[in-house]
Amino acid sequence: MSLPSVPADPVAPLASRISRMSPGLVVLTLALLLGIQPITTDLYLPALPALTAGFGAPVAHAQLTLTALLLAFGVSQLVLGPLSDRFGRRPVLLWGMAAYVLAAIGGTLAPSMVMLILWRTLQGAAMGAAVMAARAIVRDLYVPAEGARVMSRALTGLGLIACLCAPVGGLVSDLFGWRIALLVPALFGALTLTLLVLRFDETQQRRNPEALRPRVLLATWATVLRHPTFLTFTALTTAAYGVLFTFLAASSFVFIQVLGLSKTQYGLVMLWNSLAYIAGTFLCRYWLARHGVRRSIARGAVLTLAGGTAMGLLALAGVQTVAAIVGPLTLLMVAHGVHQPCGQTGAVGPFPQAAGAASALNGFLMMLVAFGIGGWLGTAIDGTTRPLAYGMWFWSVGIALVAWLLVPRFGEARGH
């Protein structure tokens, strides 16, 4: 039995009882909180080769500016999630966004690659507050099936933000240098912090005073990690992020250094990538209303496997062109727009009273895998497109297996 199809109106009565925020403000807030991730990871990618040369550092060290950030992003959620269950989403968000802005400014002024890595690590830890809280807020306000539709709307906003990241990053880097590209996230963070201070209402109505006690916390984590629905949807989101992160971590080197694109041309590739993702979020809402969560995920996996396999086989045949990457990538990103909203809401769905902890564990496991991918790419990048293509092919197979074998069996998200 699949999760129920989503009704036309995404705003559940639960949301109107809990929050005074309008549905549009909720979606805007979620889009900004989720959008901070591409702002932090995507915007500086066109400047990454110049940044590496500017510090005279090896590629492996440059990769650490991304992978260390993402590891801190994942680990910090293990603390921030229970903190938000104990004290509420609002205080965690306000402190986290303030720390994010300060860390972004510190990275801009970093005198060495080592200091940049340290500031980026702090920035990643602070970013955990935004993304973790966004997923928990959806569970605070909506039941899982409705939450998937609302999350899809918010991720459309994320896609629009991501559309601008690489072109803006490339343009700013070309005109003003890579340091100014590192400063732009501080401006975005300050804007988001202002909105939170002025308009965001607390969404968690039943705080858990026991959430931070070690015994209770360990018991909560154990309960979450034993739940088959959580494990299934976390496997889906982790494999989906594996596809995306493999591309993000390798794409600037592949397109600029291997395929010879300019920063502006690379920005256009990233723009196309984001447009495909936005199309996927619209497709997600269309499928959810007609087929439910499980069948939507299964349909998305067809696109994922087709794109990953095409990219892998073209690389195996020695085809090294922009089209050989971008064509299959389009299918992968459309499917990503289906899998992420369904997977993220499904993972926290069974835990309405521990949404912060469940969101944190989901984020931690995703970023742990991303850290491993970044370490592998740091040594695997070899002047060809093969590491990028093979990595994305591998994770596309993983998505298909989860979507077709595990989701039909364990994808029933019931709150308890």
Protein backbone atom coordinates (compact mmCIF):
# COMPACT_ATOMS: atom_id res chain seq x y z
CA MET A 1 0.00 0.00 0.00
CA SER A 2 1.49 3.33 -1.01
CA LEU A 3 1.38 6.60 0.86
CA PRO A 4 -1.84 8.45 0.08
CA SER A 5 -1.89 10.78 -2.86
CA VAL A 6 -1.42 14.42 -1.98
CA PRO A 7 -4.53 16.63 -1.98
CA ALA A 8 -4.68 19.70 -4.15
CA ASP A 9 -4.37 22.05 -1.17
CA PRO A 10 -0.91 21.57 0.36
CA VAL A 11 -1.71 23.51 3.55
CA ALA A 12 -2.90 21.09 6.18
CA PRO A 13 -5.25 22.17 8.97
CA LEU A 14 -2.39 21.26 11.32
CA ALA A 15 -0.32 24.09 9.86
CA SER A 16 -3.04 26.69 10.36
CA ARG A 17 -3.42 25.67 13.99
CA ILE A 18 0.28 25.78 14.78
CA SER A 19 1.66 28.73 12.83
CA ARG A 20 0.45 32.28 12.18
CA MET A 21 2.70 32.46 9.14
CA SER A 22 0.98 32.48 5.76
CA PRO A 23 1.56 29.49 3.45
CA GLY A 24 3.57 31.71 1.10
CA LEU A 25 5.81 32.92 3.92
CA VAL A 26 6.39 29.34 5.05
CA VAL A 27 7.49 28.32 1.54
CA LEU A 28 9.69 31.42 1.18
CA THR A 29 11.35 30.76 4.54
CA LEU A 30 11.96 27.13 3.67
CA ALA A 31 13.35 28.07 0.25
CA LEU A 32 15.87 30.48 1.82
CA LEU A 33 16.89 28.01 4.53
CA LEU A 34 17.35 25.17 2.04
CA GLY A 35 18.84 27.51 -0.57
CA ILE A 36 21.73 28.36 1.74
CA GLN A 37 23.27 25.02 0.79
CA PRO A 38 23.73 25.74 -2.95
CA ILE A 39 24.71 29.32 -2.06
CA THR A 40 27.50 27.87 0.09
CA THR A 41 28.58 24.99 -2.15
CA ASP A 42 27.78 26.06 -5.73
CA LEU A 43 28.46 29.77 -5.88
CA TYR A 44 32.21 29.53 -5.36
CA LEU A 45 32.72 26.56 -7.70
CA PRO A 46 33.58 28.69 -10.77
CA ALA A 47 36.25 30.38 -8.64
CA LEU A 48 37.65 27.12 -7.24
CA PRO A 49 40.45 26.67 -9.82
CA ALA A 50 41.49 30.34 -9.38
CA LEU A 51 41.28 30.03 -5.61
CA THR A 52 43.49 26.94 -5.74
CA ALA A 53 46.05 28.73 -7.90
CA GLY A 54 45.87 31.85 -5.74
CA PHE A 55 46.95 29.94 -2.65
CA GLY A 56 49.36 27.73 -4.60
CA ALA A 57 47.61 24.70 -3.14
CA PRO A 58 47.05 21.20 -4.56
CA VAL A 59 43.63 20.11 -5.83
CA ALA A 60 43.20 17.80 -2.85
CA HIS A 61 43.39 20.79 -0.48
CA ALA A 62 40.90 22.71 -2.60
CA GLN A 63 38.50 19.77 -2.34
CA LEU A 64 38.72 20.07 1.45
CA THR A 65 37.11 23.52 1.28
CA LEU A 66 34.01 21.62 0.16
CA THR A 67 34.30 18.23 1.83
CA ALA A 68 35.33 19.58 5.26
CA LEU A 69 32.41 22.00 5.09
CA LEU A 70 30.01 19.18 4.32
CA LEU A 71 31.37 16.90 7.04
CA ALA A 72 30.93 19.70 9.59
CA PHE A 73 27.48 20.32 8.13
CA GLY A 74 26.54 16.70 8.77
CA VAL A 75 28.10 16.37 12.23
CA SER A 76 26.70 19.65 13.54
CA GLN A 77 23.15 18.48 12.85
CA LEU A 78 23.56 15.69 15.39
CA VAL A 79 23.78 18.41 18.06
CA LEU A 80 21.56 21.06 16.48
CA GLY A 81 18.66 18.66 15.85
CA PRO A 82 18.19 17.69 19.51
CA LEU A 83 18.82 21.31 20.52
CA SER A 84 15.90 22.37 18.33
CA ASP A 85 13.71 19.61 19.80
CA ARG A 86 14.56 20.92 23.28
CA PHE A 87 14.49 24.72 22.80
CA GLY A 88 12.61 25.20 19.54
CA ARG A 89 13.51 25.89 15.92
CA ARG A 90 13.69 29.70 16.19
CA PRO A 91 16.61 30.13 18.66
CA VAL A 92 18.70 27.47 16.89
CA LEU A 93 18.06 29.18 13.56
CA LEU A 94 18.93 32.66 14.81
CA TRP A 95 22.20 31.63 16.45
CA GLY A 96 23.10 29.37 13.54
CA MET A 97 22.54 32.02 10.88
CA ALA A 98 24.51 34.61 12.85
CA ALA A 99 27.45 32.20 13.09
CA TYR A 100 27.11 31.46 9.36
CA VAL A 101 27.46 35.13 8.42
CA LEU A 102 30.53 35.57 10.62
CA ALA A 103 32.18 32.43 9.22
CA ALA A 104 31.53 33.53 5.63
CA ILE A 105 33.21 36.86 6.33
CA GLY A 106 36.14 35.06 7.97
CA GLY A 107 36.59 32.85 4.91
CA THR A 108 36.64 35.89 2.66
CA LEU A 109 39.55 37.33 4.67
CA ALA A 110 41.45 34.04 5.13
CA PRO A 111 45.22 34.50 4.62
CA SER A 112 45.91 30.86 3.69
CA MET A 113 44.25 27.72 2.40
CA VAL A 114 44.42 26.19 5.89
CA MET A 115 42.53 29.14 7.40
CA LEU A 116 40.01 29.06 4.57
CA ILE A 117 39.35 25.38 5.26
CA LEU A 118 38.86 26.16 8.97
CA TRP A 119 36.42 29.01 8.28
CA ARG A 120 34.55 26.90 5.73
CA THR A 121 34.29 24.13 8.31
CA LEU A 122 32.65 26.54 10.77
CA GLN A 123 30.43 27.81 7.98
CA GLY A 124 29.30 24.25 7.27
CA ALA A 125 28.53 23.62 10.95
CA ALA A 126 26.40 26.76 11.08
CA MET A 127 24.69 25.86 7.79
CA GLY A 128 23.46 22.70 9.52
CA ALA A 129 21.06 24.80 11.60
CA ALA A 130 19.28 26.12 8.51
CA VAL A 131 18.85 22.88 6.57
CA MET A 132 18.08 20.69 9.59
CA ALA A 133 15.48 23.14 10.87
CA ALA A 134 13.84 23.45 7.44
CA ARG A 135 13.16 19.72 7.29
CA ALA A 136 11.94 19.70 10.89
CA ILE A 137 9.65 22.71 10.28
CA VAL A 138 7.92 20.83 7.47
CA ARG A 139 7.22 17.95 9.86
CA ASP A 140 6.04 20.40 12.54
CA LEU A 141 3.44 21.86 10.21
CA TYR A 142 2.41 19.05 7.84
CA VAL A 143 1.73 15.33 7.76
CA PRO A 144 4.23 13.43 5.56
CA ALA A 145 2.28 13.24 2.28
CA GLU A 146 1.33 16.94 2.38
CA GLY A 147 4.84 17.77 3.54
CA ALA A 148 6.29 16.24 0.38
CA ARG A 149 4.29 18.68 -1.74
CA VAL A 150 5.25 21.68 0.39
CA MET A 151 8.89 20.57 0.40
CA SER A 152 8.74 20.29 -3.38
CA ARG A 153 7.57 23.91 -3.58
CA ALA A 154 10.37 25.02 -1.29
CA LEU A 155 12.89 23.05 -3.37
CA THR A 156 11.62 24.83 -6.48
CA GLY A 157 12.73 27.99 -4.71
CA LEU A 158 16.04 26.34 -3.92
CA GLY A 159 16.38 25.53 -7.62
CA LEU A 160 15.79 29.16 -8.54
CA ILE A 161 18.50 30.19 -6.08
CA ALA A 162 20.82 27.51 -7.47
CA CYS A 163 20.17 28.84 -11.00
CA LEU A 164 21.87 32.07 -10.01
CA CYS A 165 24.74 30.59 -8.00
CA ALA A 166 27.21 29.50 -10.67
CA PRO A 167 26.53 32.39 -13.11
CA VAL A 168 26.79 34.93 -10.28
CA GLY A 169 29.84 33.16 -8.88
CA GLY A 170 31.56 33.13 -12.25
CA LEU A 171 30.70 36.76 -12.99
CA VAL A 172 31.74 38.01 -9.54
CA SER A 173 34.95 35.99 -9.68
CA ASP A 174 35.81 37.35 -13.14
CA LEU A 175 35.04 40.96 -12.25
CA PHE A 176 36.14 41.21 -8.63
CA GLY A 177 38.15 38.08 -7.81
CA TRP A 178 37.50 34.87 -5.94
CA ARG A 179 37.48 36.50 -2.50
CA ILE A 180 34.38 38.52 -3.33
CA ALA A 181 32.73 35.31 -4.55
CA LEU A 182 33.29 33.97 -1.02
CA LEU A 183 31.64 37.08 0.44
CA VAL A 184 28.32 36.74 -1.40
CA PRO A 185 27.07 33.94 0.92
CA ALA A 186 27.53 36.30 3.88
CA LEU A 187 25.11 38.74 2.22
CA PHE A 188 22.60 35.97 1.56
CA GLY A 189 22.93 34.75 5.14
CA ALA A 190 22.36 38.27 6.49
CA LEU A 191 19.20 38.62 4.37
CA THR A 192 17.88 35.27 5.62
CA LEU A 193 18.69 36.15 9.22
CA THR A 194 16.77 39.42 8.87
CA LEU A 195 13.69 37.58 7.60
CA LEU A 196 13.88 35.11 10.49
CA VAL A 197 14.17 37.87 13.08
CA LEU A 198 11.25 39.84 11.69
CA ARG A 199 8.79 37.23 10.38
CA PHE A 200 9.52 33.69 11.53
CA ASP A 201 7.22 32.22 14.20
CA GLU A 202 8.19 29.19 16.26
CA THR A 203 6.67 26.05 14.73
CA GLN A 204 7.48 23.49 17.39
CA GLN A 205 4.67 23.63 19.92
CA ARG A 206 5.63 20.67 22.12
CA ARG A 207 9.25 20.94 23.17
CA ASN A 208 10.94 17.89 24.60
CA PRO A 209 12.72 18.83 27.87
CA GLU A 210 14.47 15.47 27.84
CA ALA A 211 15.85 15.78 24.31
CA LEU A 212 19.44 16.59 25.32
CA ARG A 213 19.85 14.06 28.11
CA PRO A 214 22.46 11.54 26.91
CA ARG A 215 20.37 8.47 27.68
CA VAL A 216 17.27 9.92 26.03
CA LEU A 217 19.26 11.18 23.05
CA LEU A 218 20.91 7.82 22.47
CA ALA A 219 17.56 6.08 22.81
CA THR A 220 16.02 8.50 20.29
CA TRP A 221 18.82 7.93 17.81
CA ALA A 222 18.53 4.17 18.26
CA THR A 223 14.78 4.32 17.65
CA VAL A 224 15.24 6.42 14.52
CA LEU A 225 18.06 4.26 13.15
CA ARG A 226 16.05 1.07 13.68
CA HIS A 227 13.02 2.36 11.83
CA PRO A 228 12.84 0.80 8.34
CA THR A 229 11.02 3.80 6.86
CA PHE A 230 13.76 6.17 8.04
CA LEU A 231 16.49 3.87 6.71
CA THR A 232 14.75 3.49 3.37
CA PHE A 233 14.21 7.18 2.73
CA THR A 234 17.64 8.07 4.08
CA ALA A 235 19.17 5.59 1.64
CA LEU A 236 17.22 7.34 -1.11
CA THR A 237 18.29 10.86 -0.13
CA THR A 238 21.88 9.75 0.42
CA ALA A 239 22.17 8.10 -2.99
CA ALA A 240 20.47 11.10 -4.61
CA TYR A 241 22.87 13.47 -2.91
CA GLY A 242 25.72 11.18 -3.94
CA VAL A 243 24.80 11.83 -7.58
CA LEU A 244 24.61 15.57 -7.02
CA PHE A 245 27.73 15.90 -4.89
CA THR A 246 29.85 13.87 -7.31
CA PHE A 247 28.91 16.40 -9.96
CA LEU A 248 29.44 19.44 -7.72
CA ALA A 249 32.83 18.33 -6.45
CA ALA A 250 34.27 17.44 -9.86
CA SER A 251 32.41 19.63 -12.34
CA SER A 252 34.48 22.81 -12.20
CA PHE A 253 37.70 20.90 -12.87
CA VAL A 254 36.10 18.72 -15.57
CA PHE A 255 34.34 21.51 -17.48
CA ILE A 256 37.00 24.22 -17.10
CA GLN A 257 40.27 22.27 -17.12
CA VAL A 258 39.37 19.11 -19.08
CA LEU A 259 36.73 20.36 -21.52
CA GLY A 260 38.09 23.91 -21.79
CA LEU A 261 35.01 25.97 -20.89
CA SER A 262 35.32 29.49 -19.56
CA LYS A 263 33.95 30.36 -16.12
CA THR A 264 30.95 32.01 -17.77
CA GLN A 265 30.27 28.96 -19.93
CA TYR A 266 30.58 26.74 -16.88
CA GLY A 267 28.08 28.99 -15.12
CA LEU A 268 25.65 28.42 -17.98
CA VAL A 269 26.05 24.65 -17.58
CA MET A 270 25.22 25.00 -13.89
CA LEU A 271 22.25 27.20 -14.80
CA TRP A 272 20.92 24.47 -17.11
CA ASN A 273 21.52 21.96 -14.34
CA SER A 274 19.38 24.02 -11.95
CA LEU A 275 16.61 24.52 -14.52
CA ALA A 276 16.40 20.75 -14.99
CA TYR A 277 16.14 20.38 -11.21
CA ILE A 278 13.34 22.97 -11.04
CA ALA A 279 11.48 21.07 -13.77
CA GLY A 280 11.87 17.97 -11.61
CA THR A 281 10.21 19.64 -8.63
CA PHE A 282 7.20 20.57 -10.79
CA LEU A 283 7.10 17.02 -12.14
CA CYS A 284 7.25 15.77 -8.55
CA ARG A 285 4.10 17.66 -7.59
CA TYR A 286 2.32 16.48 -10.74
CA TRP A 287 3.21 12.84 -10.04
CA LEU A 288 2.44 13.06 -6.32
CA ALA A 289 -1.11 14.19 -7.00
CA ARG A 290 -1.69 11.31 -9.44
CA HIS A 291 0.50 8.44 -8.32
CA GLY A 292 1.42 8.93 -4.65
CA VAL A 293 4.87 8.96 -3.12
CA ARG A 294 6.09 5.45 -3.88
CA ARG A 295 5.15 5.37 -7.55
CA SER A 296 6.56 8.87 -8.05
CA ILE A 297 9.89 7.73 -6.63
CA ALA A 298 9.86 4.64 -8.86
CA ARG A 299 9.19 6.70 -11.97
CA GLY A 300 11.98 9.11 -11.06
CA ALA A 301 14.38 6.19 -10.73
CA VAL A 302 13.81 5.29 -14.39
CA LEU A 303 15.12 8.73 -15.36
CA THR A 304 18.01 8.44 -12.90
CA LEU A 305 19.21 5.07 -14.14
CA ALA A 306 18.85 6.08 -17.79
CA GLY A 307 20.91 9.23 -17.27
CA GLY A 308 23.59 7.62 -15.11
CA THR A 309 24.03 4.66 -17.44
CA ALA A 310 24.24 6.87 -20.55
CA MET A 311 26.88 9.08 -18.93
CA GLY A 312 28.90 6.10 -17.73
CA LEU A 313 28.83 4.27 -21.06
CA LEU A 314 29.82 7.39 -23.01
CA ALA A 315 32.80 7.92 -20.70
CA LEU A 316 33.71 4.24 -20.99
CA ALA A 317 33.71 4.64 -24.78
CA GLY A 318 36.10 7.58 -24.48
CA VAL A 319 33.59 10.27 -25.49
CA GLN A 320 34.76 13.48 -23.77
CA THR A 321 32.40 16.29 -24.77
CA VAL A 322 30.16 18.74 -22.98
CA ALA A 323 27.07 17.11 -24.49
CA ALA A 324 28.13 13.66 -23.24
CA ILE A 325 27.91 15.02 -19.69
CA VAL A 326 25.11 17.59 -19.91
CA GLY A 327 22.64 15.41 -21.84
CA PRO A 328 22.51 12.55 -19.30
CA LEU A 329 22.88 15.06 -16.46
CA THR A 330 19.57 16.63 -17.46
CA LEU A 331 17.72 13.36 -16.76
CA LEU A 332 19.56 12.94 -13.47
CA MET A 333 18.66 16.42 -12.26
CA VAL A 334 15.00 16.12 -13.24
CA ALA A 335 14.85 12.92 -11.18
CA HIS A 336 16.69 14.64 -8.32
CA GLY A 337 13.80 17.11 -8.15
CA VAL A 338 11.51 14.15 -7.48
CA HIS A 339 13.63 12.15 -5.05
CA GLN A 340 14.81 14.84 -2.65
CA PRO A 341 11.41 16.21 -1.52
CA CYS A 342 9.95 12.72 -1.22
CA GLY A 343 13.01 11.35 0.55
CA GLN A 344 13.53 14.20 3.00
CA THR A 345 9.92 14.31 4.17
CA GLY A 346 9.69 10.52 4.24
CA ALA A 347 12.74 10.19 6.49
CA VAL A 348 11.29 12.43 9.24
CA GLY A 349 7.68 11.38 8.71
CA PRO A 350 7.50 8.69 11.44
CA PHE A 351 8.87 11.05 14.11
CA PRO A 352 6.60 14.06 14.73
CA GLN A 353 7.97 14.47 18.28
CA ALA A 354 11.63 14.00 17.29
CA ALA A 355 11.71 15.64 13.87
CA GLY A 356 14.89 17.54 14.71
CA ALA A 357 16.78 14.40 15.70
CA ALA A 358 15.52 12.46 12.67
CA SER A 359 16.35 15.34 10.32
CA ALA A 360 19.80 15.57 11.90
CA LEU A 361 20.58 11.89 11.43
CA ASN A 362 19.36 12.01 7.85
CA GLY A 363 21.59 15.00 7.13
CA PHE A 364 24.57 13.51 8.93
CA LEU A 365 24.47 10.27 6.95
CA MET A 366 24.13 12.16 3.67
CA MET A 367 27.13 14.35 4.44
CA LEU A 368 29.22 11.44 5.70
CA VAL A 369 28.84 9.83 2.29
CA ALA A 370 29.59 13.18 0.60
CA PHE A 371 32.81 13.47 2.59
CA GLY A 372 33.87 10.04 1.36
CA ILE A 373 33.05 10.99 -2.22
CA GLY A 374 35.11 14.17 -1.92
CA GLY A 375 38.09 12.26 -0.57
CA TRP A 376 37.87 9.77 -3.42
CA LEU A 377 37.56 12.48 -6.08
CA GLY A 378 40.56 14.33 -4.64
CA THR A 379 42.73 11.39 -5.72
CA ALA A 380 40.67 10.09 -8.67
CA ILE A 381 40.51 13.24 -10.82
CA ASP A 382 42.87 12.34 -13.65
CA GLY A 383 42.37 14.83 -16.46
CA THR A 384 39.41 12.93 -17.97
CA THR A 385 35.65 12.92 -17.46
CA ARG A 386 35.64 9.32 -16.22
CA PRO A 387 35.74 9.88 -12.41
CA LEU A 388 32.74 12.21 -12.61
CA ALA A 389 30.80 9.93 -14.97
CA TYR A 390 31.56 6.68 -13.16
CA GLY A 391 30.71 8.17 -9.78
CA MET A 392 27.34 9.43 -10.98
CA TRP A 393 26.63 6.10 -12.68
CA PHE A 394 27.35 4.24 -9.44
CA TRP A 395 24.94 6.34 -7.39
CA SER A 396 22.23 6.20 -10.05
CA VAL A 397 22.25 2.40 -9.76
CA GLY A 398 21.94 2.78 -5.99
CA ILE A 399 18.90 5.05 -6.36
CA ALA A 400 17.18 2.57 -8.67
CA LEU A 401 17.73 -0.30 -6.24
CA VAL A 402 16.34 1.68 -3.31
CA ALA A 403 13.38 3.02 -5.29
CA TRP A 404 12.35 -0.32 -6.76
CA LEU A 405 13.24 -2.74 -3.94
CA LEU A 406 13.12 -0.91 -0.61
CA VAL A 407 10.58 1.90 -0.99
CA PRO A 408 7.71 -0.43 -2.02
CA ARG A 409 8.38 -2.57 1.06
CA PHE A 410 9.33 -0.09 3.78
CA GLY A 411 8.12 3.28 2.51
CA GLU A 412 5.07 3.61 4.75
CA ALA A 413 5.68 6.68 6.95
CA ARG A 414 3.42 6.65 10.00
CA GLY A 415 3.82 9.07 12.87
CA HIS A 416 4.08 7.62 16.36
